[in-house]
Amino acid sequence: MSSKNSQRTEPGAEEDHAQKEELNQKIKGQKIVVDELRNLKKNRRVYTQQPNSNIFFLADKGETLSACKKDLDNMRKEFQDI
């Protein structure tokens, strides 16, 4: 017998897996952003991009770091809910 029959998936299970994998990739990227912000020297400047444009504005490092941490926490909660 082949093992393919024993690995049947429910309808939508592949979509859930793909969604979970995509969210996992976003979490990994967000972790990198948080680590990079933590490791910046104090005299470095941080810029944030305006949504839907190519314009960047000077931002406060602490506020940006806390916003990125909140985003990471929200992504982790969403990942656990899936």
N, C-alpha and C. Protein backbone atom coordinates (compact mmCIF):
# COMPACT_ATOMS: atom_id res chain seq x y z
N MET A 1 0.83 -1.19 0.00
CA MET A 1 0.00 0.00 0.00
C MET A 1 0.87 1.24 0.00
N SER A 2 0.39 2.25 -0.62
CA SER A 2 1.15 3.49 -0.62
C SER A 2 0.78 4.33 0.59
N SER A 3 1.68 5.19 0.96
CA SER A 3 1.43 6.04 2.13
C SER A 3 0.61 7.27 1.76
N LYS A 4 0.33 7.44 0.50
CA LYS A 4 -0.45 8.61 0.08
C LYS A 4 -1.86 8.57 0.64
N ASN A 5 -2.45 7.38 0.71
CA ASN A 5 -3.81 7.25 1.22
C ASN A 5 -3.89 7.60 2.70
N SER A 6 -2.82 7.33 3.45
CA SER A 6 -2.84 7.60 4.88
C SER A 6 -2.60 9.08 5.18
N GLN A 7 -2.22 9.84 4.19
CA GLN A 7 -1.93 11.25 4.40
C GLN A 7 -3.01 12.14 3.79
N ARG A 8 -4.23 11.71 3.86
CA ARG A 8 -5.33 12.51 3.33
C ARG A 8 -5.47 13.79 4.14
N THR A 9 -5.78 14.85 3.46
CA THR A 9 -5.95 16.13 4.14
C THR A 9 -7.38 16.60 3.96
N GLU A 10 -7.84 17.32 4.93
CA GLU A 10 -9.18 17.88 4.87
C GLU A 10 -9.19 19.03 3.88
N PRO A 11 -10.35 19.32 3.31
CA PRO A 11 -10.44 20.49 2.43
C PRO A 11 -10.10 21.76 3.22
N GLY A 12 -9.26 22.55 2.67
CA GLY A 12 -8.87 23.78 3.33
C GLY A 12 -7.65 23.63 4.21
N ALA A 13 -7.22 22.39 4.50
CA ALA A 13 -6.05 22.18 5.35
C ALA A 13 -4.79 22.69 4.67
N GLU A 14 -4.71 22.52 3.36
CA GLU A 14 -3.54 23.01 2.63
C GLU A 14 -3.51 24.53 2.64
N GLU A 15 -4.68 25.16 2.57
CA GLU A 15 -4.74 26.62 2.63
C GLU A 15 -4.29 27.11 4.00
N ASP A 16 -4.72 26.41 5.06
CA ASP A 16 -4.30 26.77 6.41
C ASP A 16 -2.80 26.63 6.56
N HIS A 17 -2.27 25.55 6.00
CA HIS A 17 -0.82 25.33 6.07
C HIS A 17 -0.06 26.43 5.33
N ALA A 18 -0.56 26.79 4.16
CA ALA A 18 0.09 27.85 3.37
C ALA A 18 0.01 29.19 4.10
N GLN A 19 -1.14 29.46 4.72
CA GLN A 19 -1.31 30.70 5.46
C GLN A 19 -0.39 30.72 6.67
N LYS A 20 -0.28 29.59 7.34
CA LYS A 20 0.58 29.48 8.51
C LYS A 20 2.05 29.67 8.12
N GLU A 21 2.43 29.09 7.00
CA GLU A 21 3.81 29.21 6.52
C GLU A 21 4.13 30.66 6.14
N GLU A 22 3.19 31.32 5.49
CA GLU A 22 3.38 32.73 5.11
C GLU A 22 3.52 33.61 6.35
N LEU A 23 2.68 33.37 7.33
CA LEU A 23 2.74 34.13 8.58
C LEU A 23 4.04 33.86 9.32
N ASN A 24 4.52 32.62 9.27
CA ASN A 24 5.79 32.28 9.89
C ASN A 24 6.94 33.05 9.25
N GLN A 25 6.90 33.20 7.93
CA GLN A 25 7.93 33.98 7.23
C GLN A 25 7.88 35.45 7.64
N LYS A 26 6.67 35.98 7.79
CA LYS A 26 6.53 37.38 8.23
C LYS A 26 7.06 37.57 9.64
N ILE A 27 6.82 36.58 10.51
CA ILE A 27 7.32 36.65 11.88
C ILE A 27 8.84 36.65 11.89
N LYS A 28 9.44 35.80 11.08
CA LYS A 28 10.91 35.76 11.00
C LYS A 28 11.46 37.11 10.54
N GLY A 29 10.83 37.71 9.55
CA GLY A 29 11.26 39.02 9.06
C GLY A 29 11.11 40.10 10.13
N GLN A 30 10.00 40.05 10.86
CA GLN A 30 9.76 41.04 11.91
C GLN A 30 10.76 40.88 13.04
N LYS A 31 11.15 39.64 13.36
CA LYS A 31 12.18 39.41 14.38
C LYS A 31 13.49 40.07 13.98
N ILE A 32 13.82 39.98 12.71
CA ILE A 32 15.05 40.59 12.20
C ILE A 32 14.99 42.10 12.34
N VAL A 33 13.84 42.68 12.01
CA VAL A 33 13.68 44.13 12.13
C VAL A 33 13.87 44.58 13.58
N VAL A 34 13.25 43.85 14.53
CA VAL A 34 13.37 44.20 15.95
C VAL A 34 14.82 44.08 16.41
N ASP A 35 15.49 43.00 16.00
CA ASP A 35 16.90 42.82 16.39
C ASP A 35 17.78 43.92 15.81
N GLU A 36 17.54 44.29 14.57
CA GLU A 36 18.33 45.36 13.95
C GLU A 36 18.14 46.68 14.68
N LEU A 37 16.90 46.99 15.03
CA LEU A 37 16.62 48.24 15.76
C LEU A 37 17.27 48.22 17.15
N ARG A 38 17.26 47.07 17.80
CA ARG A 38 17.89 46.96 19.13
C ARG A 38 19.39 47.19 19.06
N ASN A 39 20.01 46.74 17.99
CA ASN A 39 21.47 46.78 17.88
C ASN A 39 22.02 48.05 17.25
N LEU A 40 21.15 49.00 16.93
CA LEU A 40 21.63 50.26 16.37
C LEU A 40 22.35 51.08 17.43
N LYS A 41 23.39 51.78 16.99
CA LYS A 41 24.07 52.70 17.90
C LYS A 41 23.14 53.86 18.23
N LYS A 42 23.39 54.49 19.35
CA LYS A 42 22.50 55.56 19.82
C LYS A 42 22.43 56.74 18.86
N ASN A 43 23.52 57.01 18.15
CA ASN A 43 23.53 58.19 17.29
C ASN A 43 22.99 57.92 15.88
N ARG A 44 22.50 56.70 15.63
CA ARG A 44 21.97 56.37 14.30
C ARG A 44 20.54 56.88 14.17
N ARG A 45 20.19 57.25 12.95
CA ARG A 45 18.84 57.74 12.68
C ARG A 45 17.98 56.62 12.12
N VAL A 46 16.71 56.70 12.41
CA VAL A 46 15.74 55.71 11.92
C VAL A 46 14.69 56.45 11.09
N TYR A 47 14.41 55.90 9.92
CA TYR A 47 13.41 56.47 9.04
C TYR A 47 12.30 55.46 8.82
N THR A 48 11.06 55.95 8.76
CA THR A 48 9.93 55.08 8.45
C THR A 48 9.32 55.50 7.12
N GLN A 49 8.87 54.49 6.38
CA GLN A 49 8.29 54.75 5.07
C GLN A 49 6.79 55.00 5.21
N GLN A 50 6.33 55.99 4.50
CA GLN A 50 4.89 56.27 4.48
C GLN A 50 4.19 55.18 3.67
N PRO A 51 3.02 54.76 4.13
CA PRO A 51 2.30 53.71 3.39
C PRO A 51 1.98 54.15 1.97
N ASN A 52 2.13 53.23 1.06
CA ASN A 52 1.79 53.43 -0.36
C ASN A 52 2.57 54.56 -1.02
N SER A 53 3.80 54.81 -0.55
CA SER A 53 4.61 55.83 -1.21
C SER A 53 6.09 55.50 -1.02
N ASN A 54 6.92 56.26 -1.68
CA ASN A 54 8.35 56.09 -1.55
C ASN A 54 8.97 57.18 -0.69
N ILE A 55 8.19 57.77 0.19
CA ILE A 55 8.65 58.86 1.03
C ILE A 55 8.99 58.33 2.42
N PHE A 56 10.16 58.70 2.93
CA PHE A 56 10.60 58.30 4.26
C PHE A 56 10.70 59.52 5.15
N PHE A 57 10.31 59.34 6.42
CA PHE A 57 10.41 60.43 7.39
C PHE A 57 11.23 59.97 8.59
N LEU A 58 11.95 60.92 9.17
CA LEU A 58 12.73 60.65 10.36
C LEU A 58 11.80 60.25 11.49
N ALA A 59 12.15 59.18 12.22
CA ALA A 59 11.29 58.67 13.29
C ALA A 59 12.10 58.47 14.55
N ASP A 60 11.42 58.41 15.67
CA ASP A 60 12.06 58.14 16.94
C ASP A 60 12.38 56.65 17.03
N LYS A 61 13.60 56.33 17.40
CA LYS A 61 14.04 54.93 17.45
C LYS A 61 13.22 54.13 18.46
N GLY A 62 12.99 54.68 19.64
CA GLY A 62 12.24 53.98 20.68
C GLY A 62 10.81 53.70 20.28
N GLU A 63 10.16 54.68 19.68
CA GLU A 63 8.78 54.50 19.24
C GLU A 63 8.70 53.46 18.12
N THR A 64 9.65 53.51 17.21
CA THR A 64 9.67 52.56 16.11
C THR A 64 9.90 51.14 16.64
N LEU A 65 10.81 51.00 17.59
CA LEU A 65 11.09 49.70 18.17
C LEU A 65 9.86 49.14 18.89
N SER A 66 9.18 49.97 19.67
CA SER A 66 7.99 49.49 20.38
C SER A 66 6.88 49.12 19.41
N ALA A 67 6.71 49.88 18.34
CA ALA A 67 5.69 49.56 17.34
C ALA A 67 6.02 48.23 16.64
N CYS A 68 7.28 48.00 16.36
CA CYS A 68 7.69 46.75 15.73
C CYS A 68 7.50 45.57 16.67
N LYS A 69 7.75 45.77 17.96
CA LYS A 69 7.53 44.71 18.94
C LYS A 69 6.05 44.37 19.04
N LYS A 70 5.19 45.39 19.01
CA LYS A 70 3.74 45.16 19.07
C LYS A 70 3.29 44.36 17.84
N ASP A 71 3.81 44.74 16.68
CA ASP A 71 3.47 44.01 15.45
C ASP A 71 3.90 42.55 15.56
N LEU A 72 5.10 42.32 16.11
CA LEU A 72 5.60 40.96 16.27
C LEU A 72 4.71 40.17 17.23
N ASP A 73 4.33 40.78 18.33
CA ASP A 73 3.45 40.10 19.29
C ASP A 73 2.10 39.76 18.67
N ASN A 74 1.54 40.68 17.89
CA ASN A 74 0.26 40.43 17.23
C ASN A 74 0.38 39.29 16.22
N MET A 75 1.50 39.25 15.50
CA MET A 75 1.72 38.16 14.53
C MET A 75 1.83 36.82 15.25
N ARG A 76 2.52 36.80 16.38
CA ARG A 76 2.66 35.55 17.13
C ARG A 76 1.32 35.07 17.66
N LYS A 77 0.48 35.99 18.14
CA LYS A 77 -0.86 35.61 18.62
C LYS A 77 -1.68 35.04 17.48
N GLU A 78 -1.62 35.69 16.33
CA GLU A 78 -2.37 35.22 15.16
C GLU A 78 -1.88 33.85 14.73
N PHE A 79 -0.56 33.63 14.79
CA PHE A 79 0.02 32.34 14.43
C PHE A 79 -0.47 31.23 15.36
N GLN A 80 -0.57 31.53 16.64
CA GLN A 80 -1.04 30.52 17.60
C GLN A 80 -2.52 30.23 17.42
N ASP A 81 -3.28 31.22 16.95
CA ASP A 81 -4.71 31.03 16.76
C ASP A 81 -5.03 30.15 15.54
N ILE A 82 -4.09 30.08 14.62
CA ILE A 82 -4.33 29.30 13.39
C ILE A 82 -4.25 27.81 13.68
